[in-house]
């Protein structure tokens, strides 16, 4: 069920990406969404090598598709690069949530990610509106402030401590602090990266699926970056 939900998000996310980045590639959008969503299920097979095989085959397959469907020779290389970016950015990063779910305390870690991202966003918004004076990265996101970013990380710390003292006592104080800081910052960079893409493509939102809140990518931007970092932290550092 969880894998199917991620596959749905992946499929919609890839469609949004193509509509932003390559609106002229309507034919390629549908197989990209389909095969990208299938990619999410690979961790269920529990064969790490298969991930690289599938990503490689997807790249070769879509390279051939783009080779024989040239819209503009000047934009051909850019389109091929964007196609690979779509697979890496969305289903490949998203599948780490499923990999995380398969670890010990996987459900708890998924809730930790949600808490970190939500408390980060809320605290960053409040602190930025109330105290924000110094712009964080005006070229990419003119409204974000350094004060808001710091407030967001402190909010993430509140989120991890809430997890530790409620549903996840296996978290040490060190785990709580490190994950709050690292994942909180990584989540913010994920948000900035999606803003970079949207500004580059000349769009305000990734989609219109959620009225007033944009598309799926607008909701998942922080989680896409946070998921692999959390998974590898659990894999190499968490002792439970």
Protein backbone atom coordinates (compact mmCIF):
# COMPACT_ATOMS: atom_id res chain seq x y z
CA UNK A 1 0.00 0.00 0.00
CA UNK A 2 2.78 2.44 0.97
CA UNK A 3 4.78 1.57 -2.16
CA UNK A 4 1.69 2.12 -4.32
CA UNK A 5 1.15 5.55 -2.77
CA UNK A 6 4.77 6.50 -3.46
CA UNK A 7 4.43 5.22 -7.03
CA UNK A 8 1.36 7.44 -7.50
CA UNK A 9 3.24 10.47 -6.18
CA UNK A 10 6.16 9.60 -8.45
CA UNK A 11 3.96 9.30 -11.52
CA UNK A 12 2.26 12.64 -10.87
CA UNK A 13 5.57 14.28 -9.98
CA UNK A 14 7.21 13.18 -13.23
CA UNK A 15 4.21 14.45 -15.21
CA UNK A 16 4.52 17.81 -13.45
CA UNK A 17 8.25 17.89 -14.16
CA UNK A 18 7.73 17.23 -17.86
CA UNK A 19 4.99 19.85 -18.08
CA UNK A 20 7.33 22.40 -16.49
CA UNK A 21 10.59 21.47 -18.19
CA UNK A 22 9.56 19.96 -21.53
CA UNK A 23 5.95 20.86 -22.35
CA UNK A 24 6.65 19.90 -25.97
CA UNK A 25 7.39 16.29 -24.93
CA UNK A 26 3.79 15.15 -24.42
CA UNK A 27 4.38 11.71 -25.93
CA UNK A 28 7.40 10.99 -23.71
CA UNK A 29 5.56 12.16 -20.59
CA UNK A 30 3.33 9.08 -20.33
CA UNK A 31 5.99 6.33 -20.53
CA UNK A 32 8.21 8.40 -18.24
CA UNK A 33 5.45 8.59 -15.62
CA UNK A 34 4.70 4.88 -15.97
CA UNK A 35 8.25 3.53 -15.82
CA UNK A 36 9.25 6.07 -13.19
CA UNK A 37 6.46 4.86 -10.93
CA UNK A 38 7.54 1.23 -11.46
CA UNK A 39 11.06 2.20 -10.38
CA UNK A 40 9.73 2.98 -6.90
CA UNK A 41 8.79 -0.68 -6.33
CA UNK A 42 12.36 -2.01 -6.82
CA UNK A 43 13.29 -2.00 -3.09
CA UNK A 44 10.54 -4.59 -2.53
CA UNK A 45 12.64 -7.06 -4.56
CA UNK A 46 15.58 -6.46 -2.17
CA UNK A 47 18.27 -6.49 -4.82
CA UNK A 48 20.39 -3.33 -4.68
CA UNK A 49 22.02 -3.98 -8.05
CA UNK A 50 18.64 -3.96 -9.76
CA UNK A 51 18.24 -0.27 -8.96
CA UNK A 52 21.28 0.66 -11.05
CA UNK A 53 20.23 -1.73 -13.82
CA UNK A 54 16.79 -0.12 -14.09
CA UNK A 55 18.09 3.45 -13.95
CA UNK A 56 20.65 2.61 -16.65
CA UNK A 57 18.06 0.96 -18.89
CA UNK A 58 15.65 3.85 -18.42
CA UNK A 59 18.31 6.32 -19.45
CA UNK A 60 19.30 4.30 -22.53
CA UNK A 61 15.68 3.72 -23.50
CA UNK A 62 14.71 7.38 -23.25
CA UNK A 63 17.93 8.47 -24.93
CA UNK A 64 16.95 6.34 -27.93
CA UNK A 65 13.40 7.71 -27.79
CA UNK A 66 14.72 11.27 -27.84
CA UNK A 67 17.26 10.37 -30.54
CA UNK A 68 14.53 9.42 -32.98
CA UNK A 69 12.05 12.09 -31.87
CA UNK A 70 14.05 15.26 -32.34
CA UNK A 71 12.03 18.42 -31.84
CA UNK A 72 14.97 20.79 -31.97
CA UNK A 73 18.56 19.74 -32.53
CA UNK A 74 19.73 22.65 -30.37
CA UNK A 75 17.61 21.48 -27.41
CA UNK A 76 18.12 17.73 -27.86
CA UNK A 77 20.97 17.38 -25.35
CA UNK A 78 19.11 19.49 -22.81
CA UNK A 79 15.97 17.36 -23.18
CA UNK A 80 17.95 14.14 -22.69
CA UNK A 81 19.57 15.55 -19.56
CA UNK A 82 16.24 16.68 -18.18
CA UNK A 83 14.77 13.22 -18.78
CA UNK A 84 17.53 11.64 -16.66
CA UNK A 85 17.12 14.34 -14.01
CA UNK A 86 13.41 13.53 -13.75
CA UNK A 87 14.14 9.86 -12.97
CA UNK A 88 16.89 10.62 -10.45
CA UNK A 89 15.15 13.56 -8.79
CA UNK A 90 11.73 11.99 -8.30
CA UNK A 91 11.39 8.15 -8.22
CA UNK A 92 15.02 7.41 -7.28
CA UNK A 93 14.98 9.79 -4.31
CA UNK A 94 11.40 8.87 -3.41
CA UNK A 95 12.13 5.14 -3.26
CA UNK A 96 14.36 5.84 -0.24
CA UNK A 97 11.17 6.31 1.78
CA UNK A 98 10.25 2.71 0.97
CA UNK A 99 13.79 1.56 1.81
CA UNK A 100 13.52 3.45 5.09
CA UNK A 101 10.17 1.82 5.80
CA UNK A 102 11.87 -1.60 5.51
CA UNK A 103 14.42 -0.84 8.26
CA UNK A 104 13.95 -1.47 11.98
CA UNK A 105 11.72 1.30 13.39
CA UNK A 106 10.94 2.27 9.79
CA UNK A 107 7.47 3.61 10.56
CA UNK A 108 8.83 5.76 13.37
CA UNK A 109 11.51 7.18 11.07
CA UNK A 110 8.90 8.08 8.48
CA UNK A 111 7.02 10.04 11.13
CA UNK A 112 10.29 11.70 12.18
CA UNK A 113 10.82 12.94 8.62
CA UNK A 114 7.29 14.30 8.52
CA UNK A 115 7.78 16.03 11.86
CA UNK A 116 11.12 17.52 10.85
CA UNK A 117 9.76 18.88 7.59
CA UNK A 118 6.49 20.19 9.03
CA UNK A 119 8.02 21.84 12.11
CA UNK A 120 10.80 23.25 9.94
CA UNK A 121 8.36 24.79 7.48
CA UNK A 122 6.11 26.21 10.19
CA UNK A 123 8.92 27.65 12.30
CA UNK A 124 10.74 29.06 9.26
CA UNK A 125 7.58 30.78 8.07
CA UNK A 126 6.77 32.28 11.49
CA UNK A 127 10.33 33.40 12.30
CA UNK A 128 10.89 34.67 8.77
CA UNK A 129 7.70 36.76 8.82
CA UNK A 130 8.36 38.07 12.32
CA UNK A 131 12.13 38.61 12.35
CA UNK A 132 13.41 38.02 8.81
CA UNK A 133 15.65 40.84 7.58
CA UNK A 134 18.56 39.18 5.78
CA UNK A 135 17.75 37.37 2.54
CA UNK A 136 18.93 33.77 2.40
CA UNK A 137 19.24 33.27 -1.37
CA UNK A 138 17.36 36.03 -3.24
CA UNK A 139 18.37 34.76 -6.70
CA UNK A 140 16.39 31.55 -6.11
CA UNK A 141 13.85 32.43 -3.43
CA UNK A 142 13.52 36.16 -2.71
CA UNK A 143 11.24 35.79 0.30
CA UNK A 144 13.31 33.35 2.39
CA UNK A 145 15.49 34.81 5.12
CA UNK A 146 18.51 33.63 7.09
CA UNK A 147 16.55 34.16 10.29
CA UNK A 148 13.73 32.00 8.96
CA UNK A 149 16.17 29.24 7.98
CA UNK A 150 17.67 29.21 11.47
CA UNK A 151 14.21 29.21 12.99
CA UNK A 152 13.30 26.28 10.78
CA UNK A 153 16.22 24.21 12.06
CA UNK A 154 15.23 25.00 15.65
CA UNK A 155 11.72 23.94 14.77
CA UNK A 156 13.10 20.66 13.44
CA UNK A 157 14.85 20.12 16.76
CA UNK A 158 11.53 20.52 18.54
CA UNK A 159 10.09 17.94 16.15
CA UNK A 160 12.77 15.32 16.84
CA UNK A 161 12.59 15.88 20.58
CA UNK A 162 8.83 15.47 20.41
CA UNK A 163 9.38 12.16 18.64
CA UNK A 164 11.97 11.03 21.21
CA UNK A 165 9.75 11.71 24.21
CA UNK A 166 6.55 10.32 22.71
CA UNK A 167 6.55 7.53 20.12
CA UNK A 168 10.28 6.98 19.45
CA UNK A 169 12.22 6.54 22.72
CA UNK A 170 14.95 4.61 20.86
CA UNK A 171 16.22 7.95 19.55
CA UNK A 172 19.16 9.15 21.58
CA UNK A 173 19.63 12.83 22.34
CA UNK A 174 22.49 12.80 19.83
CA UNK A 175 20.24 11.26 17.17
CA UNK A 176 17.65 13.93 17.83
CA UNK A 177 20.09 16.82 17.52
CA UNK A 178 22.03 15.50 14.54
CA UNK A 179 18.98 14.51 12.49
CA UNK A 180 17.20 17.77 13.30
CA UNK A 181 20.15 19.85 12.09
CA UNK A 182 21.23 17.74 9.11
CA UNK A 183 17.81 16.72 7.80
CA UNK A 184 16.36 20.13 8.62
CA UNK A 185 19.02 21.86 6.50
CA UNK A 186 18.82 19.26 3.73
CA UNK A 187 15.05 19.66 3.62
CA UNK A 188 15.45 23.41 3.19
CA UNK A 189 17.91 22.89 0.33
CA UNK A 190 15.38 20.55 -1.27
CA UNK A 191 12.85 23.36 -1.17
CA UNK A 192 15.40 25.78 -2.64
CA UNK A 193 16.33 23.33 -5.39
CA UNK A 194 12.72 23.01 -6.49
CA UNK A 195 12.43 26.81 -6.44
CA UNK A 196 15.53 26.93 -8.65
CA UNK A 197 13.91 24.54 -11.13
CA UNK A 198 10.63 26.49 -11.19
CA UNK A 199 12.38 29.82 -11.73
CA UNK A 200 14.51 28.25 -14.44
CA UNK A 201 11.41 26.87 -16.17
CA UNK A 202 9.48 30.12 -15.67
CA UNK A 203 6.61 28.72 -13.59
CA UNK A 204 5.19 29.65 -10.19
CA UNK A 205 4.01 26.20 -9.09
CA UNK A 206 4.88 22.70 -10.22
CA UNK A 207 1.20 21.94 -10.83
CA UNK A 208 -2.38 22.68 -9.85
CA UNK A 209 -3.36 19.38 -8.23
CA UNK A 210 -3.75 20.96 -4.78
CA UNK A 211 -5.69 24.24 -5.12
CA UNK A 212 -3.81 27.07 -3.45
CA UNK A 213 -0.80 24.86 -2.67
CA UNK A 214 0.59 23.95 -6.09
CA UNK A 215 1.43 20.45 -7.22
CA UNK A 216 2.84 17.26 -5.77
CA UNK A 217 6.44 18.41 -6.20
CA UNK A 218 5.66 21.58 -4.26
CA UNK A 219 4.60 19.38 -1.33
CA UNK A 220 7.40 16.82 -1.65
CA UNK A 221 10.38 19.06 -2.41
CA UNK A 222 11.84 18.91 1.12
CA UNK A 223 11.02 15.23 1.60
CA UNK A 224 12.73 14.24 -1.66
CA UNK A 225 16.07 15.47 -0.30
CA UNK A 226 15.41 14.40 3.29
CA UNK A 227 14.51 10.79 2.45
CA UNK A 228 17.91 9.49 1.24
CA UNK A 229 19.83 11.40 3.91
CA UNK A 230 17.63 9.93 6.64
CA UNK A 231 17.90 6.43 5.18
CA UNK A 232 21.70 6.50 5.06
CA UNK A 233 21.87 7.97 8.55
CA UNK A 234 19.78 5.06 9.81
CA UNK A 235 21.83 2.59 7.80
CA UNK A 236 25.26 3.74 8.99
CA UNK A 237 24.82 5.57 12.29
CA UNK A 238 21.57 4.69 14.07
CA UNK A 239 21.94 1.92 16.62
CA UNK A 240 18.38 1.74 17.90
